[in-house]
All heavy atoms as atom14 arrays in JSON, in Angstrom:
{
  "sequence": "SVELLAEYVAILSRHDNISSSVHNFRFLAPFGSAT",
  "atom14_mask": [
    [1, 1, 1, 1, 1, 1, 0, 0, 0, 0, 0, 0, 0, 0],
    [1, 1, 1, 1, 1, 1, 1, 0, 0, 0, 0, 0, 0, 0],
    [1, 1, 1, 1, 1, 1, 1, 1, 1, 0, 0, 0, 0, 0],
    [1, 1, 1, 1, 1, 1, 1, 1, 0, 0, 0, 0, 0, 0],
    [1, 1, 1, 1, 1, 1, 1, 1, 0, 0, 0, 0, 0, 0],
    [1, 1, 1, 1, 1, 0, 0, 0, 0, 0, 0, 0, 0, 0],
    [1, 1, 1, 1, 1, 1, 1, 1, 1, 0, 0, 0, 0, 0],
    [1, 1, 1, 1, 1, 1, 1, 1, 1, 1, 1, 1, 0, 0],
    [1, 1, 1, 1, 1, 1, 1, 0, 0, 0, 0, 0, 0, 0],
    [1, 1, 1, 1, 1, 0, 0, 0, 0, 0, 0, 0, 0, 0],
    [1, 1, 1, 1, 1, 1, 1, 1, 0, 0, 0, 0, 0, 0],
    [1, 1, 1, 1, 1, 1, 1, 1, 0, 0, 0, 0, 0, 0],
    [1, 1, 1, 1, 1, 1, 0, 0, 0, 0, 0, 0, 0, 0],
    [1, 1, 1, 1, 1, 1, 1, 1, 1, 1, 1, 0, 0, 0],
    [1, 1, 1, 1, 1, 1, 1, 1, 1, 1, 0, 0, 0, 0],
    [1, 1, 1, 1, 1, 1, 1, 1, 0, 0, 0, 0, 0, 0],
    [1, 1, 1, 1, 1, 1, 1, 1, 0, 0, 0, 0, 0, 0],
    [1, 1, 1, 1, 1, 1, 1, 1, 0, 0, 0, 0, 0, 0],
    [1, 1, 1, 1, 1, 1, 0, 0, 0, 0, 0, 0, 0, 0],
    [1, 1, 1, 1, 1, 1, 0, 0, 0, 0, 0, 0, 0, 0],
    [1, 1, 1, 1, 1, 1, 0, 0, 0, 0, 0, 0, 0, 0],
    [1, 1, 1, 1, 1, 1, 1, 0, 0, 0, 0, 0, 0, 0],
    [1, 1, 1, 1, 1, 1, 1, 1, 1, 1, 0, 0, 0, 0],
    [1, 1, 1, 1, 1, 1, 1, 1, 0, 0, 0, 0, 0, 0],
    [1, 1, 1, 1, 1, 1, 1, 1, 1, 1, 1, 0, 0, 0],
    [1, 1, 1, 1, 1, 1, 1, 1, 1, 1, 1, 0, 0, 0],
    [1, 1, 1, 1, 1, 1, 1, 1, 1, 1, 1, 0, 0, 0],
    [1, 1, 1, 1, 1, 1, 1, 1, 0, 0, 0, 0, 0, 0],
    [1, 1, 1, 1, 1, 0, 0, 0, 0, 0, 0, 0, 0, 0],
    [1, 1, 1, 1, 1, 1, 1, 0, 0, 0, 0, 0, 0, 0],
    [1, 1, 1, 1, 1, 1, 1, 1, 1, 1, 1, 0, 0, 0],
    [1, 1, 1, 1, 0, 0, 0, 0, 0, 0, 0, 0, 0, 0],
    [1, 1, 1, 1, 1, 1, 0, 0, 0, 0, 0, 0, 0, 0],
    [1, 1, 1, 1, 1, 0, 0, 0, 0, 0, 0, 0, 0, 0],
    [1, 1, 1, 1, 1, 1, 1, 0, 0, 0, 0, 0, 0, 0]
  ],
  "atom14_positions": [
    [[83.34, 83.94, 37.62], [84.41, 82.94, 38.34], [84.27, 81.59, 37.65], [85.35, 80.94, 37.48], [83.96, 82.69, 39.83], [82.69, 82.3, 39.91], [0.0, 0.0, 0.0], [0.0, 0.0, 0.0], [0.0, 0.0, 0.0], [0.0, 0.0, 0.0], [0.0, 0.0, 0.0], [0.0, 0.0, 0.0], [0.0, 0.0, 0.0], [0.0, 0.0, 0.0]],
    [[83.2, 81.11, 37.09], [83.02, 79.93, 36.31], [83.96, 80.11, 35.04], [84.7, 79.05, 34.71], [81.6, 79.59, 36.04], [81.6, 78.42, 35.24], [80.81, 79.43, 37.26], [0.0, 0.0, 0.0], [0.0, 0.0, 0.0], [0.0, 0.0, 0.0], [0.0, 0.0, 0.0], [0.0, 0.0, 0.0], [0.0, 0.0, 0.0], [0.0, 0.0, 0.0]],
    [[83.93, 81.15, 34.34], [84.71, 81.33, 33.15], [86.2, 81.32, 33.43], [87.03, 80.8, 32.71], [84.33, 82.7, 32.47], [82.93, 82.59, 31.78], [82.37, 83.86, 31.31], [82.97, 84.9, 31.69], [81.58, 83.83, 30.41], [0.0, 0.0, 0.0], [0.0, 0.0, 0.0], [0.0, 0.0, 0.0], [0.0, 0.0, 0.0], [0.0, 0.0, 0.0]],
    [[86.65, 82.1, 34.57], [88.0, 82.02, 35.05], [88.36, 80.45, 35.39], [89.56, 80.19, 34.97], [88.11, 82.86, 36.2], [87.92, 84.36, 35.89], [87.95, 85.13, 37.23], [89.12, 84.85, 35.06], [0.0, 0.0, 0.0], [0.0, 0.0, 0.0], [0.0, 0.0, 0.0], [0.0, 0.0, 0.0], [0.0, 0.0, 0.0], [0.0, 0.0, 0.0]],
    [[87.63, 79.86, 36.07], [87.95, 78.45, 36.45], [88.05, 77.49, 35.15], [88.92, 76.68, 35.14], [86.95, 77.8, 37.38], [86.84, 78.45, 38.74], [85.69, 77.77, 39.64], [88.2, 78.05, 39.56], [0.0, 0.0, 0.0], [0.0, 0.0, 0.0], [0.0, 0.0, 0.0], [0.0, 0.0, 0.0], [0.0, 0.0, 0.0], [0.0, 0.0, 0.0]],
    [[87.17, 77.86, 34.16], [87.33, 77.16, 32.91], [88.63, 77.37, 32.24], [89.23, 76.45, 31.58], [86.09, 77.51, 32.0], [0.0, 0.0, 0.0], [0.0, 0.0, 0.0], [0.0, 0.0, 0.0], [0.0, 0.0, 0.0], [0.0, 0.0, 0.0], [0.0, 0.0, 0.0], [0.0, 0.0, 0.0], [0.0, 0.0, 0.0], [0.0, 0.0, 0.0]],
    [[89.13, 78.48, 32.24], [90.45, 78.9, 31.74], [91.53, 78.15, 32.53], [92.53, 77.58, 31.92], [90.73, 80.34, 31.86], [92.1, 80.84, 31.15], [91.95, 80.73, 29.72], [90.87, 80.63, 29.12], [93.06, 80.75, 29.09], [0.0, 0.0, 0.0], [0.0, 0.0, 0.0], [0.0, 0.0, 0.0], [0.0, 0.0, 0.0], [0.0, 0.0, 0.0]],
    [[91.43, 78.04, 33.88], [92.44, 77.12, 34.58], [92.31, 75.66, 34.1], [93.26, 75.0, 34.0], [92.15, 77.24, 36.07], [92.76, 78.55, 36.69], [91.94, 79.54, 37.03], [94.07, 78.65, 36.91], [92.47, 80.67, 37.63], [94.65, 79.83, 37.49], [93.82, 80.82, 37.74], [94.33, 82.06, 38.34], [0.0, 0.0, 0.0], [0.0, 0.0, 0.0]],
    [[91.12, 75.22, 33.92], [90.89, 73.81, 33.38], [91.51, 73.64, 32.12], [92.17, 72.53, 31.82], [89.41, 73.48, 33.45], [89.21, 72.11, 32.78], [88.87, 73.49, 34.87], [0.0, 0.0, 0.0], [0.0, 0.0, 0.0], [0.0, 0.0, 0.0], [0.0, 0.0, 0.0], [0.0, 0.0, 0.0], [0.0, 0.0, 0.0], [0.0, 0.0, 0.0]],
    [[91.39, 74.66, 31.23], [92.01, 74.66, 29.87], [93.6, 74.42, 29.98], [94.2, 73.66, 29.13], [91.67, 75.8, 29.05], [0.0, 0.0, 0.0], [0.0, 0.0, 0.0], [0.0, 0.0, 0.0], [0.0, 0.0, 0.0], [0.0, 0.0, 0.0], [0.0, 0.0, 0.0], [0.0, 0.0, 0.0], [0.0, 0.0, 0.0], [0.0, 0.0, 0.0]],
    [[94.17, 75.23, 30.99], [95.53, 75.08, 31.03], [95.98, 73.79, 31.7], [96.97, 73.19, 31.24], [96.15, 76.28, 32.14], [95.74, 77.66, 31.42], [97.47, 76.07, 32.46], [95.98, 78.84, 32.36], [0.0, 0.0, 0.0], [0.0, 0.0, 0.0], [0.0, 0.0, 0.0], [0.0, 0.0, 0.0], [0.0, 0.0, 0.0], [0.0, 0.0, 0.0]],
    [[95.4, 73.32, 32.72], [95.79, 72.12, 33.37], [95.5, 70.89, 32.65], [96.15, 69.82, 32.92], [95.13, 71.98, 34.89], [95.59, 73.06, 35.83], [94.67, 73.05, 37.07], [97.05, 72.91, 36.19], [0.0, 0.0, 0.0], [0.0, 0.0, 0.0], [0.0, 0.0, 0.0], [0.0, 0.0, 0.0], [0.0, 0.0, 0.0], [0.0, 0.0, 0.0]],
    [[94.51, 70.89, 31.72], [94.19, 69.78, 30.92], [94.94, 69.86, 29.54], [94.72, 69.04, 28.69], [92.72, 69.74, 30.63], [92.28, 70.87, 29.89], [0.0, 0.0, 0.0], [0.0, 0.0, 0.0], [0.0, 0.0, 0.0], [0.0, 0.0, 0.0], [0.0, 0.0, 0.0], [0.0, 0.0, 0.0], [0.0, 0.0, 0.0], [0.0, 0.0, 0.0]],
    [[95.75, 70.88, 29.41], [96.58, 71.02, 28.05], [95.67, 71.13, 26.89], [95.8, 70.32, 25.94], [97.66, 70.01, 27.95], [98.59, 70.09, 29.14], [99.86, 69.31, 28.9], [100.88, 69.4, 29.94], [102.11, 68.94, 29.94], [102.45, 68.41, 28.77], [102.96, 69.02, 30.9], [0.0, 0.0, 0.0], [0.0, 0.0, 0.0], [0.0, 0.0, 0.0]],
    [[94.62, 71.94, 26.99], [93.6, 71.95, 25.93], [94.21, 72.23, 24.56], [93.57, 71.87, 23.52], [92.51, 72.94, 26.38], [91.28, 72.87, 25.53], [91.15, 73.58, 24.29], [90.13, 72.15, 25.69], [90.0, 73.32, 23.79], [89.3, 72.58, 24.56], [0.0, 0.0, 0.0], [0.0, 0.0, 0.0], [0.0, 0.0, 0.0], [0.0, 0.0, 0.0]],
    [[95.24, 73.09, 24.48], [95.84, 73.48, 23.27], [96.72, 72.47, 22.62], [97.18, 72.68, 21.58], [96.55, 74.88, 23.45], [97.67, 74.68, 24.43], [97.64, 73.79, 25.24], [98.54, 75.62, 24.47], [0.0, 0.0, 0.0], [0.0, 0.0, 0.0], [0.0, 0.0, 0.0], [0.0, 0.0, 0.0], [0.0, 0.0, 0.0], [0.0, 0.0, 0.0]],
    [[96.99, 71.39, 23.42], [97.75, 70.29, 22.72], [97.04, 69.15, 22.25], [96.19, 68.57, 22.91], [98.66, 69.71, 24.0], [99.79, 68.88, 23.5], [99.75, 68.27, 22.4], [100.82, 68.68, 24.31], [0.0, 0.0, 0.0], [0.0, 0.0, 0.0], [0.0, 0.0, 0.0], [0.0, 0.0, 0.0], [0.0, 0.0, 0.0], [0.0, 0.0, 0.0]],
    [[97.15, 69.05, 20.86], [96.34, 68.01, 20.23], [97.06, 66.71, 19.94], [96.46, 65.77, 19.39], [95.87, 68.63, 18.83], [97.05, 68.88, 17.9], [95.05, 69.83, 19.06], [96.76, 69.24, 16.5], [0.0, 0.0, 0.0], [0.0, 0.0, 0.0], [0.0, 0.0, 0.0], [0.0, 0.0, 0.0], [0.0, 0.0, 0.0], [0.0, 0.0, 0.0]],
    [[98.21, 66.56, 20.53], [99.0, 65.31, 20.33], [98.35, 64.19, 21.26], [97.72, 64.43, 22.1], [100.51, 65.42, 20.63], [100.55, 65.76, 22.05], [0.0, 0.0, 0.0], [0.0, 0.0, 0.0], [0.0, 0.0, 0.0], [0.0, 0.0, 0.0], [0.0, 0.0, 0.0], [0.0, 0.0, 0.0], [0.0, 0.0, 0.0], [0.0, 0.0, 0.0]],
    [[98.71, 62.97, 20.71], [98.02, 61.82, 21.44], [98.69, 61.63, 22.8], [98.19, 61.05, 23.79], [98.2, 60.52, 20.6], [99.59, 60.38, 20.24], [0.0, 0.0, 0.0], [0.0, 0.0, 0.0], [0.0, 0.0, 0.0], [0.0, 0.0, 0.0], [0.0, 0.0, 0.0], [0.0, 0.0, 0.0], [0.0, 0.0, 0.0], [0.0, 0.0, 0.0]],
    [[99.93, 62.03, 22.9], [100.64, 61.92, 24.24], [100.17, 62.73, 25.38], [100.58, 62.59, 26.64], [102.13, 62.01, 24.07], [102.3, 63.5, 23.57], [0.0, 0.0, 0.0], [0.0, 0.0, 0.0], [0.0, 0.0, 0.0], [0.0, 0.0, 0.0], [0.0, 0.0, 0.0], [0.0, 0.0, 0.0], [0.0, 0.0, 0.0], [0.0, 0.0, 0.0]],
    [[99.27, 63.75, 24.98], [98.8, 64.73, 26.14], [97.97, 63.92, 27.11], [97.96, 64.34, 28.39], [97.86, 65.84, 25.43], [96.56, 65.17, 24.94], [97.72, 66.78, 26.44], [0.0, 0.0, 0.0], [0.0, 0.0, 0.0], [0.0, 0.0, 0.0], [0.0, 0.0, 0.0], [0.0, 0.0, 0.0], [0.0, 0.0, 0.0], [0.0, 0.0, 0.0]],
    [[97.45, 62.72, 26.92], [96.61, 62.01, 27.8], [97.51, 61.61, 28.92], [97.07, 61.14, 30.01], [95.94, 60.84, 27.19], [95.05, 61.23, 26.06], [93.7, 61.67, 26.4], [95.07, 61.27, 24.76], [93.14, 61.92, 25.3], [93.9, 61.69, 24.35], [0.0, 0.0, 0.0], [0.0, 0.0, 0.0], [0.0, 0.0, 0.0], [0.0, 0.0, 0.0]],
    [[98.84, 61.44, 28.69], [99.79, 60.88, 29.74], [100.32, 61.96, 30.6], [100.98, 61.65, 31.61], [100.86, 60.08, 29.18], [100.35, 58.93, 28.33], [99.42, 58.19, 28.74], [101.05, 58.65, 27.32], [0.0, 0.0, 0.0], [0.0, 0.0, 0.0], [0.0, 0.0, 0.0], [0.0, 0.0, 0.0], [0.0, 0.0, 0.0], [0.0, 0.0, 0.0]],
    [[100.07, 63.26, 30.3], [100.75, 64.4, 31.01], [99.79, 65.29, 31.54], [100.12, 66.18, 32.43], [101.73, 65.09, 30.08], [102.89, 64.32, 29.56], [102.74, 63.71, 28.24], [103.98, 64.03, 30.33], [103.79, 62.92, 27.83], [104.96, 63.24, 29.95], [104.91, 62.66, 28.61], [0.0, 0.0, 0.0], [0.0, 0.0, 0.0], [0.0, 0.0, 0.0]],
    [[98.46, 65.44, 31.1], [97.58, 66.37, 31.62], [97.14, 66.08, 33.13], [97.03, 64.87, 33.45], [96.33, 66.43, 30.64], [95.54, 65.07, 30.74], [94.47, 65.27, 29.58], [93.74, 64.01, 29.58], [92.71, 63.64, 28.68], [92.44, 64.61, 27.78], [92.03, 62.66, 28.66], [0.0, 0.0, 0.0], [0.0, 0.0, 0.0], [0.0, 0.0, 0.0]],
    [[96.86, 67.12, 33.8], [96.4, 66.98, 35.15], [95.02, 66.83, 35.39], [94.38, 66.19, 36.32], [96.85, 68.11, 36.08], [98.39, 68.3, 36.41], [99.29, 67.24, 35.75], [98.86, 69.24, 37.11], [100.55, 67.26, 36.14], [100.22, 69.36, 37.45], [101.04, 68.3, 36.84], [0.0, 0.0, 0.0], [0.0, 0.0, 0.0], [0.0, 0.0, 0.0]],
    [[94.25, 67.39, 34.32], [92.76, 67.19, 34.39], [92.27, 66.7, 33.11], [92.98, 66.74, 32.06], [92.14, 68.62, 34.52], [92.58, 69.43, 35.74], [91.9, 70.82, 35.73], [92.23, 68.75, 37.1], [0.0, 0.0, 0.0], [0.0, 0.0, 0.0], [0.0, 0.0, 0.0], [0.0, 0.0, 0.0], [0.0, 0.0, 0.0], [0.0, 0.0, 0.0]],
    [[91.21, 66.03, 32.95], [90.5, 65.46, 31.76], [89.11, 65.88, 31.75], [88.37, 65.88, 32.74], [90.7, 64.0, 31.86], [0.0, 0.0, 0.0], [0.0, 0.0, 0.0], [0.0, 0.0, 0.0], [0.0, 0.0, 0.0], [0.0, 0.0, 0.0], [0.0, 0.0, 0.0], [0.0, 0.0, 0.0], [0.0, 0.0, 0.0], [0.0, 0.0, 0.0]],
    [[88.57, 66.22, 30.55], [87.17, 66.52, 30.43], [86.3, 65.45, 30.69], [86.58, 64.31, 30.53], [87.02, 67.01, 28.97], [88.15, 66.32, 28.25], [89.23, 66.14, 29.2], [0.0, 0.0, 0.0], [0.0, 0.0, 0.0], [0.0, 0.0, 0.0], [0.0, 0.0, 0.0], [0.0, 0.0, 0.0], [0.0, 0.0, 0.0], [0.0, 0.0, 0.0]],
    [[85.1, 65.63, 31.24], [84.13, 64.61, 31.56], [82.72, 65.11, 31.07], [82.33, 66.14, 31.4], [84.08, 64.3, 33.08], [83.02, 63.24, 33.44], [83.52, 61.94, 33.48], [81.76, 63.46, 33.74], [82.63, 61.0, 33.87], [80.92, 62.52, 34.15], [81.31, 61.23, 34.27], [0.0, 0.0, 0.0], [0.0, 0.0, 0.0], [0.0, 0.0, 0.0]],
    [[82.03, 64.3, 30.16], [80.84, 64.68, 29.59], [80.99, 65.5, 28.39], [82.0, 65.84, 27.99], [0.0, 0.0, 0.0], [0.0, 0.0, 0.0], [0.0, 0.0, 0.0], [0.0, 0.0, 0.0], [0.0, 0.0, 0.0], [0.0, 0.0, 0.0], [0.0, 0.0, 0.0], [0.0, 0.0, 0.0], [0.0, 0.0, 0.0], [0.0, 0.0, 0.0]],
    [[79.79, 65.79, 27.76], [79.81, 66.49, 26.42], [79.41, 67.94, 26.59], [79.56, 68.69, 25.67], [78.76, 65.77, 25.5], [77.47, 65.72, 26.11], [0.0, 0.0, 0.0], [0.0, 0.0, 0.0], [0.0, 0.0, 0.0], [0.0, 0.0, 0.0], [0.0, 0.0, 0.0], [0.0, 0.0, 0.0], [0.0, 0.0, 0.0], [0.0, 0.0, 0.0]],
    [[78.85, 68.4, 27.7], [78.59, 69.84, 27.8], [79.86, 70.73, 27.96], [80.75, 70.37, 28.63], [77.71, 70.03, 29.16], [0.0, 0.0, 0.0], [0.0, 0.0, 0.0], [0.0, 0.0, 0.0], [0.0, 0.0, 0.0], [0.0, 0.0, 0.0], [0.0, 0.0, 0.0], [0.0, 0.0, 0.0], [0.0, 0.0, 0.0], [0.0, 0.0, 0.0]],
    [[79.89, 71.85, 27.19], [80.99, 72.66, 27.15], [80.53, 74.12, 27.34], [79.44, 74.44, 27.31], [81.84, 72.51, 25.8], [80.84, 72.89, 24.79], [82.29, 71.12, 25.57], [0.0, 0.0, 0.0], [0.0, 0.0, 0.0], [0.0, 0.0, 0.0], [0.0, 0.0, 0.0], [0.0, 0.0, 0.0], [0.0, 0.0, 0.0], [0.0, 0.0, 0.0]]
  ]
}
């Protein structure tokens, strides 16, 4: 379930988008250095 939730976090944080404008559109943002 943690891995599935991590996939949802990747979607809602637009993890695959590397543009600088993603910070203005993502619903979630990473916190901390642990991955």
